[in-house]
N, C-alpha and C. Protein backbone atom coordinates (compact mmCIF):
# COMPACT_ATOMS: atom_id res chain seq x y z
N MET A 1 0.83 -1.55 -0.17
CA MET A 1 -0.20 -0.06 -0.26
C MET A 1 1.18 1.04 -0.30
N ASP A 2 0.51 2.07 -0.84
CA ASP A 2 1.12 3.44 -1.20
C ASP A 2 1.06 4.49 -0.24
N ALA A 3 1.97 5.24 0.26
CA ALA A 3 1.81 6.06 1.12
C ALA A 3 1.49 7.15 1.26
N LYS A 4 0.19 7.87 1.77
CA LYS A 4 -0.36 9.02 0.91
C LYS A 4 0.07 10.83 1.73
N ILE A 5 0.67 11.88 1.25
CA ILE A 5 0.46 12.47 2.00
C ILE A 5 -0.42 14.03 1.18
N GLY A 6 -0.92 14.75 2.16
CA GLY A 6 -2.20 15.26 1.63
C GLY A 6 -1.76 16.61 2.23
N GLY A 7 -2.75 17.96 2.43
CA GLY A 7 -2.24 19.07 3.13
C GLY A 7 -2.72 19.13 4.19
N TYR A 8 -3.07 18.43 4.91
CA TYR A 8 -4.03 18.17 6.05
C TYR A 8 -2.24 17.74 7.24
N ASP A 9 -1.59 16.73 6.14
CA ASP A 9 0.15 16.19 6.82
C ASP A 9 0.82 17.15 6.52
N VAL A 10 0.67 18.47 5.84
CA VAL A 10 1.73 18.77 5.74
C VAL A 10 2.23 20.03 6.59
N LEU A 11 0.54 20.46 6.70
CA LEU A 11 0.48 21.60 7.66
C LEU A 11 0.40 20.82 9.00
N GLU A 12 0.32 19.65 8.84
CA GLU A 12 0.81 19.06 10.69
C GLU A 12 2.32 19.06 10.77
N ILE A 13 2.86 18.68 9.87
CA ILE A 13 4.43 18.86 9.80
C ILE A 13 4.52 19.97 9.78
N ALA A 14 4.18 21.19 9.39
CA ALA A 14 4.96 22.39 9.59
C ALA A 14 4.43 22.60 10.79
N GLU A 15 3.34 22.88 11.24
CA GLU A 15 3.57 22.88 12.84
C GLU A 15 4.31 22.39 13.89
N LYS A 16 4.63 21.12 13.27
CA LYS A 16 5.94 20.13 14.40
C LYS A 16 7.03 20.85 14.37
N ILE A 17 7.46 21.62 12.64
CA ILE A 17 8.32 22.43 12.15
C ILE A 17 8.68 23.65 13.47
N GLU A 18 7.85 24.41 13.19
CA GLU A 18 7.46 25.37 14.01
C GLU A 18 7.72 25.43 15.42
N ARG A 19 7.33 24.10 16.11
CA ARG A 19 6.98 23.82 17.36
C ARG A 19 8.47 24.02 18.27
N ASN A 20 9.20 22.78 17.07
CA ASN A 20 10.76 22.31 17.70
C ASN A 20 11.63 23.69 17.36
N GLY A 21 10.74 24.67 16.19
CA GLY A 21 11.76 25.97 15.87
C GLY A 21 11.77 27.04 17.25
N VAL A 22 10.66 26.46 17.96
CA VAL A 22 10.58 27.33 19.34
C VAL A 22 11.10 27.09 20.35
N LYS A 23 11.59 25.24 20.09
CA LYS A 23 11.79 25.15 21.11
C LYS A 23 13.76 25.26 21.06
N PHE A 24 14.20 25.06 19.74
CA PHE A 24 15.38 25.31 19.53
C PHE A 24 15.82 26.97 20.03
N TYR A 25 14.93 27.93 19.47
CA TYR A 25 15.47 29.24 19.81
C TYR A 25 15.52 29.66 21.37
N ARG A 26 14.42 28.99 22.29
CA ARG A 26 14.23 29.38 23.43
C ARG A 26 15.93 28.61 24.17
N ARG A 27 15.89 27.31 23.77
CA ARG A 27 17.30 26.64 24.29
C ARG A 27 18.83 27.41 24.03
N ALA A 28 18.83 28.04 22.58
CA ALA A 28 19.61 28.73 22.18
C ALA A 28 19.72 30.10 23.26
N ALA A 29 18.46 30.72 23.20
CA ALA A 29 18.70 32.06 24.30
C ALA A 29 18.93 31.73 25.36
N GLY A 30 18.85 30.52 25.60
CA GLY A 30 19.14 30.06 27.66
C GLY A 30 20.59 30.12 27.20
N LEU A 31 21.54 29.38 26.56
CA LEU A 31 22.75 28.83 26.54
C LEU A 31 23.68 30.35 26.28
N CYS A 32 23.15 31.71 25.38
CA CYS A 32 23.68 32.19 24.75
C CYS A 32 24.16 33.42 25.78
N SER A 33 25.38 33.78 25.67
CA SER A 33 25.65 34.69 26.50
C SER A 33 25.81 36.24 26.27
N ASP A 34 25.23 36.51 25.37
CA ASP A 34 25.71 37.47 24.63
C ASP A 34 24.04 38.06 24.89
N ASP A 35 23.39 38.86 25.50
CA ASP A 35 22.45 39.63 25.89
C ASP A 35 21.39 40.04 24.32
N ARG A 36 22.48 40.65 24.00
CA ARG A 36 21.60 41.14 22.13
C ARG A 36 21.21 39.47 21.61
N ILE A 37 22.45 39.22 21.30
CA ILE A 37 21.94 37.75 20.39
C ILE A 37 20.52 36.78 21.31
N SER A 38 21.04 36.56 22.23
CA SER A 38 19.54 36.03 23.25
C SER A 38 18.52 36.60 23.26
N THR A 39 18.54 38.35 23.41
CA THR A 39 17.22 38.32 22.80
C THR A 39 16.90 38.27 21.35
N LEU A 40 17.75 38.06 20.58
CA LEU A 40 17.29 37.88 19.25
C LEU A 40 16.65 36.55 18.94
N PHE A 41 16.88 35.74 19.91
CA PHE A 41 16.56 34.48 19.66
C PHE A 41 15.51 34.10 20.56
N VAL A 42 14.90 35.27 21.30
CA VAL A 42 13.96 34.91 22.62
C VAL A 42 12.85 35.21 21.22
N GLN A 43 13.03 36.55 20.54
CA GLN A 43 11.76 37.20 19.47
C GLN A 43 11.48 36.11 18.44
N LEU A 44 12.77 35.39 18.12
CA LEU A 44 12.56 34.22 16.90
C LEU A 44 11.65 32.93 17.32
N ALA A 45 11.72 33.04 18.93
CA ALA A 45 11.01 31.60 19.28
C ALA A 45 9.67 32.25 19.37
N GLN A 46 9.42 33.68 19.61
CA GLN A 46 7.97 34.70 19.28
C GLN A 46 7.38 33.93 18.20
N TRP A 47 8.16 34.48 17.80
CA TRP A 47 7.54 34.33 16.02
C TRP A 47 7.21 32.77 15.24
N GLU A 48 7.84 32.36 15.24
CA GLU A 48 7.97 30.80 15.52
C GLU A 48 6.48 30.05 15.85
N ALA A 49 6.30 30.27 17.76
CA ALA A 49 5.24 30.38 17.87
C ALA A 49 4.05 30.86 17.29
N ARG A 50 4.20 32.02 16.52
CA ARG A 50 2.86 32.29 16.08
C ARG A 50 2.89 31.74 14.78
N HIS A 51 3.39 31.57 14.23
CA HIS A 51 3.46 30.31 12.95
C HIS A 51 2.48 29.04 13.24
N VAL A 52 2.94 28.36 14.37
CA VAL A 52 2.23 27.43 14.56
C VAL A 52 0.76 27.77 14.85
N GLU A 53 0.78 28.47 15.05
CA GLU A 53 -0.76 28.91 15.08
C GLU A 53 -1.47 29.19 14.01
N LEU A 54 -0.62 30.11 12.83
CA LEU A 54 -1.21 29.85 11.48
C LEU A 54 -1.69 28.60 10.74
N PHE A 55 -0.34 27.74 11.17
CA PHE A 55 -0.80 26.20 10.62
C PHE A 55 -1.71 25.57 11.08
N GLY A 56 -2.04 25.73 11.90
CA GLY A 56 -3.16 24.82 12.71
C GLY A 56 -4.38 25.44 12.11
N GLN A 57 -4.37 26.73 12.17
CA GLN A 57 -5.95 27.82 11.57
C GLN A 57 -6.04 27.15 10.18
N MET A 58 -5.04 27.01 9.68
CA MET A 58 -5.23 26.54 8.05
C MET A 58 -5.59 24.79 8.36
N ARG A 59 -4.73 23.79 8.74
CA ARG A 59 -5.53 22.24 9.09
C ARG A 59 -6.86 22.38 9.64
N GLU A 60 -7.32 23.49 10.70
CA GLU A 60 -8.62 23.44 11.09
C GLU A 60 -9.72 23.87 9.76
N ARG A 61 -9.07 24.78 9.08
CA ARG A 61 -9.65 24.66 8.08
C ARG A 61 -10.01 23.56 6.66
N LEU A 62 -9.08 22.51 6.42
CA LEU A 62 -8.97 21.70 6.15
C LEU A 62 -9.94 20.64 6.62
N THR A 63 -10.27 20.34 7.91
CA THR A 63 -10.76 19.63 8.90
C THR A 63 -12.58 19.87 8.65
N ALA A 64 -12.71 21.32 8.77
CA ALA A 64 -13.89 21.70 8.71
C ALA A 64 -14.46 21.05 7.48
N GLU A 65 -14.05 21.16 6.23
CA GLU A 65 -13.77 20.87 4.74
C GLU A 65 -14.25 19.34 4.91
N GLY A 66 -13.96 18.27 5.54
CA GLY A 66 -13.73 17.01 5.86
C GLY A 66 -12.84 16.18 5.43
N ARG A 67 -11.11 16.61 5.11
CA ARG A 67 -10.73 16.50 4.96
C ARG A 67 -9.31 15.99 5.92
N GLN A 68 -8.58 14.91 5.96
CA GLN A 68 -8.29 14.58 7.09
C GLN A 68 -6.85 13.83 6.82
N PRO A 69 -5.87 13.12 7.27
CA PRO A 69 -4.63 13.20 7.28
C PRO A 69 -4.73 12.22 5.88
N GLY A 70 -3.94 11.86 5.13
CA GLY A 70 -3.78 11.37 4.35
C GLY A 70 -4.37 11.64 3.00
N HIS A 71 -5.57 12.60 2.82
CA HIS A 71 -6.23 12.52 1.79
C HIS A 71 -5.41 13.53 0.94
N VAL A 72 -5.42 13.36 -0.52
CA VAL A 72 -4.53 13.93 -1.02
C VAL A 72 -5.32 14.56 -2.57
N ASP A 73 -5.28 15.69 -2.82
CA ASP A 73 -5.99 16.37 -3.76
C ASP A 73 -5.13 16.10 -5.17
N PRO A 74 -5.51 15.46 -5.81
CA PRO A 74 -4.45 15.29 -6.98
C PRO A 74 -4.37 16.07 -8.03
N ASP A 75 -5.16 17.43 -7.82
CA ASP A 75 -5.04 18.24 -8.55
C ASP A 75 -4.43 19.55 -8.07
N ARG A 76 -3.68 18.60 -6.53
CA ARG A 76 -2.95 20.29 -6.17
C ARG A 76 -1.88 19.96 -6.27
N ILE A 77 -1.19 18.38 -6.49
CA ILE A 77 -0.02 17.88 -6.32
C ILE A 77 1.01 17.56 -7.44
N ASP A 78 0.42 18.30 -8.87
CA ASP A 78 1.55 18.83 -9.65
C ASP A 78 2.40 19.78 -9.59
N GLY A 79 3.49 19.35 -9.90
CA GLY A 79 4.61 20.42 -9.74
C GLY A 79 5.25 20.42 -8.20
N ILE A 80 4.82 19.87 -7.04
CA ILE A 80 5.82 19.86 -5.79
C ILE A 80 6.63 19.31 -5.64
N ASP A 81 7.60 19.93 -5.64
CA ASP A 81 9.12 19.78 -5.54
C ASP A 81 9.63 18.97 -4.37
N ALA A 82 10.22 17.92 -4.91
CA ALA A 82 10.79 16.74 -3.98
C ALA A 82 11.55 17.71 -2.89
N GLN A 83 12.77 18.14 -3.24
CA GLN A 83 13.59 19.14 -2.20
C GLN A 83 12.61 19.69 -1.05
N ALA A 84 11.86 20.34 -1.66
CA ALA A 84 10.94 20.72 -0.62
C ALA A 84 10.53 19.49 0.16
N LEU A 85 9.99 18.53 -0.01
CA LEU A 85 9.18 17.51 1.19
C LEU A 85 10.78 17.40 1.87
N ALA A 86 12.00 16.71 1.46
CA ALA A 86 12.69 16.44 2.01
C ALA A 86 13.19 17.64 2.91
N GLY A 87 12.85 18.44 3.03
CA GLY A 87 13.57 19.55 3.55
C GLY A 87 12.81 19.55 5.20
N LEU A 88 12.24 18.17 5.29
CA LEU A 88 11.04 17.76 6.73
C LEU A 88 12.90 17.33 7.74
N ALA A 89 13.91 17.71 7.25
CA ALA A 89 14.89 17.03 8.34
C ALA A 89 15.46 18.90 8.80
N VAL A 90 14.84 19.60 8.52
CA VAL A 90 14.75 21.12 9.49
C VAL A 90 14.78 21.31 10.47
N PHE A 91 13.65 21.35 11.39
CA PHE A 91 13.58 21.53 12.55
C PHE A 91 12.55 19.81 12.85
N GLY A 92 11.63 19.54 12.07
CA GLY A 92 10.07 18.53 11.95
C GLY A 92 10.59 17.16 12.54
N ILE A 93 11.51 16.51 11.56
CA ILE A 93 11.57 15.04 12.40
C ILE A 93 12.42 15.06 13.42
N GLN A 94 13.16 15.83 13.99
CA GLN A 94 13.60 15.15 15.15
C GLN A 94 12.87 15.73 16.31
N PRO A 95 13.15 14.62 17.15
CA PRO A 95 11.84 14.83 18.49
C PRO A 95 11.87 16.34 19.28
N ASP A 96 13.41 16.50 19.51
CA ASP A 96 13.74 17.75 20.28
C ASP A 96 15.42 18.05 19.87
N PRO A 97 14.61 19.06 18.20
CA PRO A 97 15.90 19.59 17.64
C PRO A 97 16.78 20.78 18.82
N SER A 98 16.55 21.34 19.96
CA SER A 98 17.32 21.86 20.69
C SER A 98 18.43 20.87 21.47
N ARG A 99 17.96 19.62 21.56
CA ARG A 99 19.14 18.70 21.89
C ARG A 99 20.68 19.17 21.19
N GLU A 100 20.21 19.42 19.70
CA GLU A 100 22.08 19.47 18.99
C GLU A 100 22.55 20.58 20.04
N LEU A 101 22.01 21.69 20.95
CA LEU A 101 22.82 22.56 21.16
C LEU A 101 23.38 22.01 22.31
N THR A 102 24.64 21.83 22.49
CA THR A 102 24.96 21.54 24.30
C THR A 102 25.67 22.44 24.81
N GLY A 103 25.77 23.67 24.56
CA GLY A 103 26.46 24.76 25.63
C GLY A 103 27.62 24.57 24.84
N SER A 104 28.63 23.81 24.00
CA SER A 104 29.73 24.28 23.72
C SER A 104 30.11 25.23 22.34
N GLU A 105 28.71 25.10 21.91
CA GLU A 105 28.91 25.91 20.74
C GLU A 105 29.06 27.07 20.53
N SER A 106 29.53 27.92 19.72
CA SER A 106 30.19 29.63 19.73
C SER A 106 28.61 30.55 19.82
N ARG A 107 28.99 31.40 19.52
CA ARG A 107 27.53 32.35 18.88
C ARG A 107 27.36 32.00 17.90
N THR A 108 28.54 32.04 16.88
CA THR A 108 28.84 31.76 15.45
C THR A 108 27.97 30.89 15.24
N ASP A 109 28.83 29.78 15.86
CA ASP A 109 28.24 28.43 15.47
C ASP A 109 26.37 27.91 15.10
N VAL A 110 25.84 29.06 15.90
CA VAL A 110 24.53 28.53 16.69
C VAL A 110 23.75 29.59 15.79
N LEU A 111 24.36 30.81 15.42
CA LEU A 111 24.01 31.60 14.08
C LEU A 111 23.71 31.04 12.98
N ARG A 112 24.63 30.38 12.85
CA ARG A 112 25.30 29.40 11.28
C ARG A 112 23.80 28.18 11.46
N MET A 113 23.37 27.41 12.24
CA MET A 113 22.84 26.51 12.71
C MET A 113 21.60 27.14 12.41
N ALA A 114 20.99 28.37 13.37
CA ALA A 114 19.55 28.83 13.18
C ALA A 114 19.78 29.58 11.39
N ILE A 115 20.26 29.69 10.88
CA ILE A 115 20.40 30.55 9.62
C ILE A 115 19.76 28.80 8.48
N GLU A 116 20.92 28.13 8.72
CA GLU A 116 20.54 26.82 7.69
C GLU A 116 18.79 26.11 7.87
N LYS A 117 18.62 26.27 9.28
CA LYS A 117 17.37 26.04 9.65
C LYS A 117 15.97 26.56 9.09
N GLU A 118 16.81 28.06 9.18
CA GLU A 118 15.36 28.89 8.46
C GLU A 118 15.53 29.08 6.98
N LYS A 119 16.73 28.61 6.50
CA LYS A 119 16.25 28.30 4.90
C LYS A 119 15.92 27.32 4.26
N ASP A 120 16.25 25.79 5.17
CA ASP A 120 15.47 24.87 5.22
C ASP A 120 13.96 24.68 5.32
N SER A 121 13.58 25.74 6.15
CA SER A 121 11.89 25.65 6.37
C SER A 121 11.62 26.81 5.01
N ILE A 122 11.94 27.71 5.02
CA ILE A 122 11.32 28.26 3.70
C ILE A 122 11.41 27.17 1.92
N VAL A 123 12.16 26.34 1.79
CA VAL A 123 12.10 25.19 1.01
C VAL A 123 11.03 24.32 1.01
N TYR A 124 10.69 23.97 2.16
CA TYR A 124 9.85 23.12 2.54
C TYR A 124 8.21 24.18 2.50
N TYR A 125 8.32 24.74 3.25
CA TYR A 125 7.25 26.04 2.98
C TYR A 125 6.91 26.43 1.77
N THR A 126 7.89 26.31 0.57
CA THR A 126 7.66 26.99 -0.66
C THR A 126 7.04 25.44 -1.18
N GLY A 127 7.86 24.62 -0.78
CA GLY A 127 6.52 23.59 -1.76
C GLY A 127 5.05 23.20 -1.55
N LEU A 128 4.97 23.28 -0.19
CA LEU A 128 3.66 23.20 0.60
C LEU A 128 2.58 24.28 0.05
N LYS A 129 3.05 25.24 -0.59
CA LYS A 129 1.98 25.78 -1.29
C LYS A 129 0.87 24.92 -2.09
N GLY A 130 1.81 24.13 -2.88
CA GLY A 130 1.37 23.40 -3.62
C GLY A 130 0.19 22.71 -3.53
N PHE A 131 -0.28 21.85 -1.91
CA PHE A 131 -0.88 21.42 -0.92
C PHE A 131 -2.13 22.07 -0.96
N LEU A 132 -2.21 24.02 -0.49
CA LEU A 132 -3.20 24.37 0.06
C LEU A 132 -4.22 24.64 -1.68
N ALA A 133 -5.52 24.25 -0.81
CA ALA A 133 -6.62 24.53 -2.07
C ALA A 133 -7.04 25.74 -1.54
N HIS A 134 -6.92 26.36 -0.60
CA HIS A 134 -7.37 27.72 -0.87
C HIS A 134 -6.44 28.89 -1.11
N GLN A 135 -6.96 29.94 -1.59
CA GLN A 135 -5.78 30.90 -1.91
C GLN A 135 -5.45 31.95 -1.03
N THR A 136 -6.47 32.15 0.33
CA THR A 136 -5.94 32.60 1.58
C THR A 136 -5.03 32.08 2.29
N ASP A 137 -5.48 30.34 2.02
CA ASP A 137 -4.09 30.15 3.14
C ASP A 137 -3.02 29.99 2.29
N ARG A 138 -2.69 30.09 0.93
CA ARG A 138 -1.22 30.21 0.13
C ARG A 138 -0.95 31.32 0.69
N GLN A 139 -1.69 32.41 0.55
CA GLN A 139 -0.96 33.70 0.66
C GLN A 139 -0.71 33.33 2.00
N VAL A 140 -1.27 33.37 3.15
CA VAL A 140 -0.59 33.66 4.32
C VAL A 140 0.63 32.94 4.74
N LEU A 141 0.28 31.68 3.98
CA LEU A 141 1.70 30.96 4.03
C LEU A 141 2.88 31.70 3.19
N GLU A 142 2.60 32.48 1.93
CA GLU A 142 3.47 33.39 1.70
C GLU A 142 4.25 34.08 2.56
N GLN A 143 3.14 34.60 3.53
CA GLN A 143 3.57 36.06 4.57
C GLN A 143 4.71 35.31 5.34
N VAL A 144 4.49 33.61 5.32
CA VAL A 144 4.98 33.08 6.58
C VAL A 144 6.64 32.87 6.03
N ILE A 145 6.72 32.43 4.59
CA ILE A 145 7.66 32.45 3.77
C ILE A 145 8.84 33.99 4.05
N GLN A 146 7.74 34.66 3.45
CA GLN A 146 8.68 36.08 3.73
C GLN A 146 8.97 36.24 5.51
N GLU A 147 8.43 36.27 6.43
CA GLU A 147 8.99 36.11 7.32
C GLU A 147 10.32 35.13 7.97
N GLU A 148 10.31 34.20 7.22
CA GLU A 148 11.18 33.00 7.78
C GLU A 148 12.35 33.70 6.48
N MET A 149 11.85 34.25 5.42
CA MET A 149 13.54 35.12 4.76
C MET A 149 13.98 36.43 5.90
N LYS A 150 13.18 37.03 6.32
CA LYS A 150 13.21 38.56 7.24
C LYS A 150 14.33 37.62 8.23
N HIS A 151 13.97 36.97 8.96
CA HIS A 151 14.48 35.28 9.95
C HIS A 151 16.29 34.95 9.34
N VAL A 152 16.27 34.95 7.99
CA VAL A 152 17.36 34.42 7.73
C VAL A 152 18.28 35.89 7.46
N ARG A 153 17.85 36.88 7.56
CA ARG A 153 18.20 38.05 7.07
C ARG A 153 18.60 39.02 8.76
N ILE A 154 17.76 38.56 9.58
CA ILE A 154 18.30 39.16 10.76
C ILE A 154 19.31 37.92 11.51
N LEU A 155 19.45 37.22 11.19
CA LEU A 155 20.16 36.30 11.84
C LEU A 155 21.93 36.31 10.95
N VAL A 156 21.83 36.56 9.58
CA VAL A 156 22.82 37.01 9.02
C VAL A 156 23.44 38.27 9.34
N GLN A 157 22.31 39.03 9.41
CA GLN A 157 23.59 40.21 10.34
C GLN A 157 24.11 40.32 11.83
N ALA A 158 23.23 39.69 12.39
CA ALA A 158 23.94 39.02 13.42
C ALA A 158 25.42 38.60 13.69
N LEU A 159 25.34 37.41 12.19
CA LEU A 159 26.20 36.51 12.51
C LEU A 159 27.64 37.56 12.12
N GLU A 160 27.19 38.90 10.81
CA GLU A 160 27.86 39.76 10.02
C GLU A 160 28.81 40.54 11.82
N GLN A 161 28.07 40.82 12.45
CA GLN A 161 28.05 41.77 13.59
C GLN A 161 28.97 40.98 14.50
N THR A 162 28.92 39.78 14.76
CA THR A 162 29.55 38.54 16.08
C THR A 162 31.13 38.38 14.98
N VAL A 163 31.42 38.07 13.84
CA VAL A 163 32.53 37.94 13.01
C VAL A 163 33.63 38.83 13.33
């Protein structure tokens, strides 16, 4: 039997990615001795928490339409980028990606890790758009992508100031 993945499933994964992002950034904030960088990680955790809410709202709309896990809308999956689905390794698959942080990493190391995770999230969310039937949800997801891109810029600036 072939495994099927639909919009409900990818939104559930997106929520997990963001919840794990919150954990990662909170741990990074707690380990960071630089107040400026620690505050940045706290802000990132708050922004990721808002994304959890947005993806949950999108998933609720699918549930209201009777679409459950595994429901695949064949009209929505053409052109889905396989690389986007491979991006599940971002924050998502690991039970707790904050465990990657041992406390021995430099600020530079943690900032680089965060930048890569944000970039991987963008790849995943870009592919996710093809699973969403509602134009409103696609617009909200595009806003989330833009916010993730902003996170990358902010993290890159912080990295440049650290080096």
